[in-house]
Amino acid sequence: MLGPSVTYDETKDCLVIDTNLYKDTGAYAGIKGVENVELAKEQIVLNSINVLMKRGVRGLYLYASDEVLRERLLHIQREKVQT
């Protein structure tokens, strides 16, 4: 599940990561002393999504809690099916 920390910006056509809404705060352990903490947190969130999406052996069901992101993902899926 892509939780509330992952949204979609329609105007910029990109994902937006709000690290304050990321629930696995233990994932941020050990980033003290990092120069750009916010960027490091964003990379941690994106890496966790990457790992989870690669675990599907026979497919993957993906749910986005952000409605705009959900619609964008469905749109991309429909385009892939048509080609």
PDB file of N, CA and C in Angstrom:
ATOM      1  N   MET A   1       0.841  -1.184   0.000  1.00  0.00           N
ATOM      2  CA  MET A   1       0.000   0.000   0.000  1.00  0.00           C
ATOM      3  C   MET A   1       0.878   1.237   0.000  1.00  0.00           C
ATOM      4  N   LEU A   2       0.539   2.138  -0.873  1.00  0.00           N
ATOM      5  CA  LEU A   2       1.190   3.443  -0.867  1.00  0.00           C
ATOM      6  C   LEU A   2       0.363   4.335   0.053  1.00  0.00           C
ATOM      7  N   GLY A   3       0.860   4.535   1.244  1.00  0.00           N
ATOM      8  CA  GLY A   3       0.116   5.244   2.280  1.00  0.00           C
ATOM      9  C   GLY A   3       0.050   6.741   2.058  1.00  0.00           C
ATOM     10  N   PRO A   4      -0.415   7.441   3.051  1.00  0.00           N
ATOM     11  CA  PRO A   4      -0.609   8.887   2.919  1.00  0.00           C
ATOM     12  C   PRO A   4       0.684   9.675   2.719  1.00  0.00           C
ATOM     13  N   SER A   5       1.823   9.037   2.936  1.00  0.00           N
ATOM     14  CA  SER A   5       3.087   9.751   2.732  1.00  0.00           C
ATOM     15  C   SER A   5       3.455   9.877   1.255  1.00  0.00           C
ATOM     16  N   VAL A   6       2.754   9.135   0.384  1.00  0.00           N
ATOM     17  CA  VAL A   6       3.048   9.168  -1.052  1.00  0.00           C
ATOM     18  C   VAL A   6       1.823   9.709  -1.789  1.00  0.00           C
ATOM     19  N   THR A   7       1.998  10.855  -2.440  1.00  0.00           N
ATOM     20  CA  THR A   7       0.916  11.466  -3.202  1.00  0.00           C
ATOM     21  C   THR A   7       1.412  11.782  -4.609  1.00  0.00           C
ATOM     22  N   TYR A   8       0.518  12.311  -5.409  1.00  0.00           N
ATOM     23  CA  TYR A   8       0.846  12.627  -6.803  1.00  0.00           C
ATOM     24  C   TYR A   8       0.500  14.083  -7.083  1.00  0.00           C
ATOM     25  N   ASP A   9       1.432  14.804  -7.687  1.00  0.00           N
ATOM     26  CA  ASP A   9       1.226  16.199  -8.080  1.00  0.00           C
ATOM     27  C   ASP A   9       0.904  16.220  -9.569  1.00  0.00           C
ATOM     28  N   GLU A  10      -0.355  16.506  -9.891  1.00  0.00           N
ATOM     29  CA  GLU A  10      -0.790  16.500 -11.299  1.00  0.00           C
ATOM     30  C   GLU A  10      -0.107  17.576 -12.125  1.00  0.00           C
ATOM     31  N   THR A  11       0.114  18.745 -11.538  1.00  0.00           N
ATOM     32  CA  THR A  11       0.694  19.841 -12.305  1.00  0.00           C
ATOM     33  C   THR A  11       2.142  19.565 -12.696  1.00  0.00           C
ATOM     34  N   LYS A  12       2.887  18.891 -11.807  1.00  0.00           N
ATOM     35  CA  LYS A  12       4.287  18.579 -12.094  1.00  0.00           C
ATOM     36  C   LYS A  12       4.464  17.165 -12.637  1.00  0.00           C
ATOM     37  N   ASP A  13       3.377  16.360 -12.619  1.00  0.00           N
ATOM     38  CA  ASP A  13       3.402  14.969 -13.072  1.00  0.00           C
ATOM     39  C   ASP A  13       4.506  14.189 -12.361  1.00  0.00           C
ATOM     40  N   CYS A  14       4.454  14.230 -11.018  1.00  0.00           N
ATOM     41  CA  CYS A  14       5.466  13.516 -10.248  1.00  0.00           C
ATOM     42  C   CYS A  14       4.925  13.100  -8.885  1.00  0.00           C
ATOM     43  N   LEU A  15       5.625  12.136  -8.285  1.00  0.00           N
ATOM     44  CA  LEU A  15       5.295  11.716  -6.929  1.00  0.00           C
ATOM     45  C   LEU A  15       5.765  12.769  -5.943  1.00  0.00           C
ATOM     46  N   VAL A  16       5.031  12.887  -4.850  1.00  0.00           N
ATOM     47  CA  VAL A  16       5.416  13.775  -3.763  1.00  0.00           C
ATOM     48  C   VAL A  16       5.493  12.925  -2.504  1.00  0.00           C
ATOM     49  N   ILE A  17       6.611  13.004  -1.815  1.00  0.00           N
ATOM     50  CA  ILE A  17       6.822  12.238  -0.596  1.00  0.00           C
ATOM     51  C   ILE A  17       6.769  13.189   0.591  1.00  0.00           C
ATOM     52  N   ASP A  18       5.838  12.929   1.521  1.00  0.00           N
ATOM     53  CA  ASP A  18       5.757  13.698   2.767  1.00  0.00           C
ATOM     54  C   ASP A  18       6.296  12.806   3.874  1.00  0.00           C
ATOM     55  N   THR A  19       7.552  13.013   4.221  1.00  0.00           N
ATOM     56  CA  THR A  19       8.215  12.140   5.188  1.00  0.00           C
ATOM     57  C   THR A  19       7.600  12.237   6.575  1.00  0.00           C
ATOM     58  N   ASN A  20       6.902  13.319   6.862  1.00  0.00           N
ATOM     59  CA  ASN A  20       6.247  13.464   8.167  1.00  0.00           C
ATOM     60  C   ASN A  20       5.091  12.484   8.328  1.00  0.00           C
ATOM     61  N   LEU A  21       4.531  11.995   7.228  1.00  0.00           N
ATOM     62  CA  LEU A  21       3.411  11.063   7.277  1.00  0.00           C
ATOM     63  C   LEU A  21       3.845   9.606   7.169  1.00  0.00           C
ATOM     64  N   TYR A  22       5.132   9.357   7.006  1.00  0.00           N
ATOM     65  CA  TYR A  22       5.650   7.987   6.884  1.00  0.00           C
ATOM     66  C   TYR A  22       5.593   7.318   8.250  1.00  0.00           C
ATOM     67  N   LYS A  23       4.962   6.151   8.318  1.00  0.00           N
ATOM     68  CA  LYS A  23       4.687   5.485   9.593  1.00  0.00           C
ATOM     69  C   LYS A  23       5.886   4.723  10.170  1.00  0.00           C
ATOM     70  N   ASP A  24       6.790   4.233   9.330  1.00  0.00           N
ATOM     71  CA  ASP A  24       7.923   3.448   9.809  1.00  0.00           C
ATOM     72  C   ASP A  24       9.053   4.382  10.240  1.00  0.00           C
ATOM     73  N   THR A  25       8.873   5.025  11.378  1.00  0.00           N
ATOM     74  CA  THR A  25       9.870   5.994  11.835  1.00  0.00           C
ATOM     75  C   THR A  25      11.188   5.324  12.197  1.00  0.00           C
ATOM     76  N   GLY A  26      11.173   4.023  12.474  1.00  0.00           N
ATOM     77  CA  GLY A  26      12.403   3.292  12.743  1.00  0.00           C
ATOM     78  C   GLY A  26      13.321   3.254  11.531  1.00  0.00           C
ATOM     79  N   ALA A  27      12.748   3.450  10.370  1.00  0.00           N
ATOM     80  CA  ALA A  27      13.544   3.456   9.139  1.00  0.00           C
ATOM     81  C   ALA A  27      14.498   4.650   9.107  1.00  0.00           C
ATOM     82  N   TYR A  28      14.185   5.673   9.894  1.00  0.00           N
ATOM     83  CA  TYR A  28      15.023   6.874   9.920  1.00  0.00           C
ATOM     84  C   TYR A  28      16.161   6.793  10.933  1.00  0.00           C
ATOM     85  N   ALA A  29      16.280   5.683  11.630  1.00  0.00           N
ATOM     86  CA  ALA A  29      17.349   5.528  12.612  1.00  0.00           C
ATOM     87  C   ALA A  29      18.705   5.580  11.907  1.00  0.00           C
ATOM     88  N   GLY A  30      19.615   6.261  12.504  1.00  0.00           N
ATOM     89  CA  GLY A  30      20.973   6.304  11.967  1.00  0.00           C
ATOM     90  C   GLY A  30      21.222   7.377  10.937  1.00  0.00           C
ATOM     91  N   ILE A  31      20.319   8.348  10.802  1.00  0.00           N
ATOM     92  CA  ILE A  31      20.570   9.405   9.814  1.00  0.00           C
ATOM     93  C   ILE A  31      21.083  10.690  10.463  1.00  0.00           C
ATOM     94  N   LYS A  32      21.369  10.612  11.758  1.00  0.00           N
ATOM     95  CA  LYS A  32      21.940  11.792  12.427  1.00  0.00           C
ATOM     96  C   LYS A  32      23.297  12.098  11.804  1.00  0.00           C
ATOM     97  N   GLY A  33      23.545  13.350  11.597  1.00  0.00           N
ATOM     98  CA  GLY A  33      24.796  13.763  10.987  1.00  0.00           C
ATOM     99  C   GLY A  33      24.744  13.839   9.474  1.00  0.00           C
ATOM    100  N   VAL A  34      23.635  13.397   8.885  1.00  0.00           N
ATOM    101  CA  VAL A  34      23.475  13.491   7.431  1.00  0.00           C
ATOM    102  C   VAL A  34      23.221  14.953   7.083  1.00  0.00           C
ATOM    103  N   GLU A  35      23.867  15.411   6.040  1.00  0.00           N
ATOM    104  CA  GLU A  35      23.780  16.828   5.672  1.00  0.00           C
ATOM    105  C   GLU A  35      22.360  17.255   5.302  1.00  0.00           C
ATOM    106  N   ASN A  36      21.711  16.534   4.403  1.00  0.00           N
ATOM    107  CA  ASN A  36      20.359  16.870   3.970  1.00  0.00           C
ATOM    108  C   ASN A  36      19.409  15.778   4.476  1.00  0.00           C
ATOM    109  N   VAL A  37      18.918  15.951   5.691  1.00  0.00           N
ATOM    110  CA  VAL A  37      18.105  14.932   6.358  1.00  0.00           C
ATOM    111  C   VAL A  37      16.815  14.674   5.591  1.00  0.00           C
ATOM    112  N   GLU A  38      16.163  15.714   5.118  1.00  0.00           N
ATOM    113  CA  GLU A  38      14.885  15.546   4.417  1.00  0.00           C
ATOM    114  C   GLU A  38      15.065  14.732   3.133  1.00  0.00           C
ATOM    115  N   LEU A  39      16.110  14.997   2.400  1.00  0.00           N
ATOM    116  CA  LEU A  39      16.390  14.223   1.185  1.00  0.00           C
ATOM    117  C   LEU A  39      16.702  12.764   1.532  1.00  0.00           C
ATOM    118  N   ALA A  40      17.447  12.552   2.609  1.00  0.00           N
ATOM    119  CA  ALA A  40      17.764  11.189   3.042  1.00  0.00           C
ATOM    120  C   ALA A  40      16.492  10.439   3.424  1.00  0.00           C
ATOM    121  N   LYS A  41      15.579  11.105   4.125  1.00  0.00           N
ATOM    122  CA  LYS A  41      14.310  10.478   4.503  1.00  0.00           C
ATOM    123  C   LYS A  41      13.491  10.125   3.265  1.00  0.00           C
ATOM    124  N   GLU A  42      13.470  11.022   2.287  1.00  0.00           N
ATOM    125  CA  GLU A  42      12.734  10.765   1.049  1.00  0.00           C
ATOM    126  C   GLU A  42      13.307   9.547   0.327  1.00  0.00           C
ATOM    127  N   GLN A  43      14.621   9.437   0.285  1.00  0.00           N
ATOM    128  CA  GLN A  43      15.268   8.287  -0.360  1.00  0.00           C
ATOM    129  C   GLN A  43      14.944   6.989   0.374  1.00  0.00           C
ATOM    130  N   ILE A  44      14.846   7.049   1.703  1.00  0.00           N
ATOM    131  CA  ILE A  44      14.488   5.865   2.488  1.00  0.00           C
ATOM    132  C   ILE A  44      13.081   5.403   2.131  1.00  0.00           C
ATOM    133  N   VAL A  45      12.142   6.349   2.030  1.00  0.00           N
ATOM    134  CA  VAL A  45      10.760   6.013   1.666  1.00  0.00           C
ATOM    135  C   VAL A  45      10.715   5.400   0.268  1.00  0.00           C
ATOM    136  N   LEU A  46      11.380   6.038  -0.681  1.00  0.00           N
ATOM    137  CA  LEU A  46      11.391   5.528  -2.055  1.00  0.00           C
ATOM    138  C   LEU A  46      12.052   4.153  -2.138  1.00  0.00           C
ATOM    139  N   ASN A  47      13.107   3.934  -1.368  1.00  0.00           N
ATOM    140  CA  ASN A  47      13.770   2.636  -1.361  1.00  0.00           C
ATOM    141  C   ASN A  47      12.849   1.562  -0.797  1.00  0.00           C
ATOM    142  N   SER A  48      12.111   1.882   0.252  1.00  0.00           N
ATOM    143  CA  SER A  48      11.198   0.882   0.826  1.00  0.00           C
ATOM    144  C   SER A  48      10.093   0.526  -0.165  1.00  0.00           C
ATOM    145  N   ILE A  49       9.605   1.510  -0.915  1.00  0.00           N
ATOM    146  CA  ILE A  49       8.606   1.238  -1.953  1.00  0.00           C
ATOM    147  C   ILE A  49       9.215   0.339  -3.034  1.00  0.00           C
ATOM    148  N   ASN A  50      10.428   0.635  -3.436  1.00  0.00           N
ATOM    149  CA  ASN A  50      11.127  -0.156  -4.444  1.00  0.00           C
ATOM    150  C   ASN A  50      11.261  -1.609  -4.004  1.00  0.00           C
ATOM    151  N   VAL A  51      11.671  -1.826  -2.776  1.00  0.00           N
ATOM    152  CA  VAL A  51      11.843  -3.187  -2.259  1.00  0.00           C
ATOM    153  C   VAL A  51      10.503  -3.918  -2.233  1.00  0.00           C
ATOM    154  N   LEU A  52       9.471  -3.275  -1.721  1.00  0.00           N
ATOM    155  CA  LEU A  52       8.163  -3.923  -1.629  1.00  0.00           C
ATOM    156  C   LEU A  52       7.594  -4.272  -3.000  1.00  0.00           C
ATOM    157  N   MET A  53       7.809  -3.417  -3.982  1.00  0.00           N
ATOM    158  CA  MET A  53       7.267  -3.666  -5.310  1.00  0.00           C
ATOM    159  C   MET A  53       7.996  -4.796  -6.033  1.00  0.00           C
ATOM    160  N   LYS A  54       9.174  -5.150  -5.603  1.00  0.00           N
ATOM    161  CA  LYS A  54       9.926  -6.224  -6.237  1.00  0.00           C
ATOM    162  C   LYS A  54       9.666  -7.578  -5.592  1.00  0.00           C
ATOM    163  N   ARG A  55       8.846  -7.633  -4.565  1.00  0.00           N
ATOM    164  CA  ARG A  55       8.601  -8.887  -3.861  1.00  0.00           C
ATOM    165  C   ARG A  55       7.506  -9.734  -4.484  1.00  0.00           C
ATOM    166  N   GLY A  56       6.731  -9.178  -5.385  1.00  0.00           N
ATOM    167  CA  GLY A  56       5.644  -9.933  -5.993  1.00  0.00           C
ATOM    168  C   GLY A  56       6.168 -10.995  -6.940  1.00  0.00           C
ATOM    169  N   VAL A  57       6.010 -12.267  -6.591  1.00  0.00           N
ATOM    170  CA  VAL A  57       6.514 -13.356  -7.420  1.00  0.00           C
ATOM    171  C   VAL A  57       5.555 -13.631  -8.578  1.00  0.00           C
ATOM    172  N   ARG A  58       4.269 -13.654  -8.270  1.00  0.00           N
ATOM    173  CA  ARG A  58       3.271 -13.951  -9.297  1.00  0.00           C
ATOM    174  C   ARG A  58       2.369 -12.753  -9.564  1.00  0.00           C
ATOM    175  N   GLY A  59       2.866 -11.595  -9.327  1.00  0.00           N
ATOM    176  CA  GLY A  59       2.085 -10.389  -9.536  1.00  0.00           C
ATOM    177  C   GLY A  59       2.077  -9.540  -8.281  1.00  0.00           C
ATOM    178  N   LEU A  60       1.443  -8.400  -8.387  1.00  0.00           N
ATOM    179  CA  LEU A  60       1.445  -7.455  -7.280  1.00  0.00           C
ATOM    180  C   LEU A  60       0.154  -6.657  -7.301  1.00  0.00           C
ATOM    181  N   TYR A  61      -0.495  -6.586  -6.178  1.00  0.00           N
ATOM    182  CA  TYR A  61      -1.640  -5.700  -6.021  1.00  0.00           C
ATOM    183  C   TYR A  61      -1.147  -4.455  -5.318  1.00  0.00           C
ATOM    184  N   LEU A  62      -1.467  -3.329  -5.885  1.00  0.00           N
ATOM    185  CA  LEU A  62      -0.991  -2.061  -5.355  1.00  0.00           C
ATOM    186  C   LEU A  62      -2.190  -1.174  -5.060  1.00  0.00           C
ATOM    187  N   TYR A  63      -2.222  -0.597  -3.871  1.00  0.00           N
ATOM    188  CA  TYR A  63      -3.290   0.325  -3.495  1.00  0.00           C
ATOM    189  C   TYR A  63      -2.649   1.633  -3.075  1.00  0.00           C
ATOM    190  N   ALA A  64      -3.157   2.722  -3.608  1.00  0.00           N
ATOM    191  CA  ALA A  64      -2.689   4.050  -3.230  1.00  0.00           C
ATOM    192  C   ALA A  64      -3.778   4.734  -2.415  1.00  0.00           C
ATOM    193  N   SER A  65      -3.446   5.173  -1.220  1.00  0.00           N
ATOM    194  CA  SER A  65      -4.445   5.834  -0.384  1.00  0.00           C
ATOM    195  C   SER A  65      -4.805   7.215  -0.928  1.00  0.00           C
ATOM    196  N   ASP A  66      -3.890   7.834  -1.678  1.00  0.00           N
ATOM    197  CA  ASP A  66      -4.161   9.130  -2.311  1.00  0.00           C
ATOM    198  C   ASP A  66      -4.972   8.893  -3.582  1.00  0.00           C
ATOM    199  N   GLU A  67      -6.162   9.473  -3.638  1.00  0.00           N
ATOM    200  CA  GLU A  67      -7.065   9.218  -4.763  1.00  0.00           C
ATOM    201  C   GLU A  67      -6.483   9.666  -6.102  1.00  0.00           C
ATOM    202  N   VAL A  68      -5.799  10.786  -6.126  1.00  0.00           N
ATOM    203  CA  VAL A  68      -5.209  11.288  -7.374  1.00  0.00           C
ATOM    204  C   VAL A  68      -4.114  10.336  -7.858  1.00  0.00           C
ATOM    205  N   LEU A  69      -3.296   9.850  -6.953  1.00  0.00           N
ATOM    206  CA  LEU A  69      -2.253   8.880  -7.310  1.00  0.00           C
ATOM    207  C   LEU A  69      -2.876   7.580  -7.790  1.00  0.00           C
ATOM    208  N   ARG A  70      -3.919   7.135  -7.110  1.00  0.00           N
ATOM    209  CA  ARG A  70      -4.608   5.905  -7.504  1.00  0.00           C
ATOM    210  C   ARG A  70      -5.126   6.016  -8.931  1.00  0.00           C
ATOM    211  N   GLU A  71      -5.763   7.134  -9.256  1.00  0.00           N
ATOM    212  CA  GLU A  71      -6.288   7.342 -10.611  1.00  0.00           C
ATOM    213  C   GLU A  71      -5.168   7.390 -11.644  1.00  0.00           C
ATOM    214  N   ARG A  72      -4.049   7.994 -11.303  1.00  0.00           N
ATOM    215  CA  ARG A  72      -2.917   8.069 -12.229  1.00  0.00           C
ATOM    216  C   ARG A  72      -2.348   6.672 -12.491  1.00  0.00           C
ATOM    217  N   LEU A  73      -2.213   5.870 -11.452  1.00  0.00           N
ATOM    218  CA  LEU A  73      -1.711   4.508 -11.616  1.00  0.00           C
ATOM    219  C   LEU A  73      -2.660   3.670 -12.465  1.00  0.00           C
ATOM    220  N   LEU A  74      -3.953   3.819 -12.242  1.00  0.00           N
ATOM    221  CA  LEU A  74      -4.932   3.088 -13.058  1.00  0.00           C
ATOM    222  C   LEU A  74      -4.866   3.531 -14.511  1.00  0.00           C
ATOM    223  N   HIS A  75      -4.670   4.823 -14.732  1.00  0.00           N
ATOM    224  CA  HIS A  75      -4.546   5.346 -16.096  1.00  0.00           C
ATOM    225  C   HIS A  75      -3.326   4.742 -16.796  1.00  0.00           C
ATOM    226  N   ILE A  76      -2.208   4.676 -16.095  1.00  0.00           N
ATOM    227  CA  ILE A  76      -0.988   4.092 -16.665  1.00  0.00           C
ATOM    228  C   ILE A  76      -1.209   2.619 -16.975  1.00  0.00           C
ATOM    229  N   GLN A  77      -1.880   1.911 -16.059  1.00  0.00           N
ATOM    230  CA  GLN A  77      -2.154   0.487 -16.282  1.00  0.00           C
ATOM    231  C   GLN A  77      -3.020   0.294 -17.523  1.00  0.00           C
ATOM    232  N   ARG A  78      -4.059   1.104 -17.675  1.00  0.00           N
ATOM    233  CA  ARG A  78      -4.941   0.981 -18.851  1.00  0.00           C
ATOM    234  C   ARG A  78      -4.167   1.238 -20.145  1.00  0.00           C
ATOM    235  N   GLU A  79      -3.269   2.211 -20.120  1.00  0.00           N
ATOM    236  CA  GLU A  79      -2.450   2.491 -21.304  1.00  0.00           C
ATOM    237  C   GLU A  79      -1.571   1.295 -21.655  1.00  0.00           C
ATOM    238  N   LYS A  80      -1.003   0.640 -20.674  1.00  0.00           N
ATOM    239  CA  LYS A  80      -0.121  -0.513 -20.904  1.00  0.00           C
ATOM    240  C   LYS A  80      -0.908  -1.687 -21.465  1.00  0.00           C
ATOM    241  N   VAL A  81      -2.127  -1.865 -20.992  1.00  0.00           N
ATOM    242  CA  VAL A  81      -2.956  -2.979 -21.462  1.00  0.00           C
ATOM    243  C   VAL A  81      -3.354  -2.776 -22.917  1.00  0.00           C
ATOM    244  N   GLN A  82      -3.587  -1.535 -23.315  1.00  0.00           N
ATOM    245  CA  GLN A  82      -4.018  -1.236 -24.686  1.00  0.00           C
ATOM    246  C   GLN A  82      -2.901  -1.387 -25.696  1.00  0.00           C
ATOM    247  N   THR A  83      -1.655  -1.265 -25.274  1.00  0.00           N
ATOM    248  CA  THR A  83      -0.545  -1.350 -26.237  1.00  0.00           C
ATOM    249  C   THR A  83      -0.011  -2.738 -26.388  1.00  0.00           C
TER     250      THR A  83
END
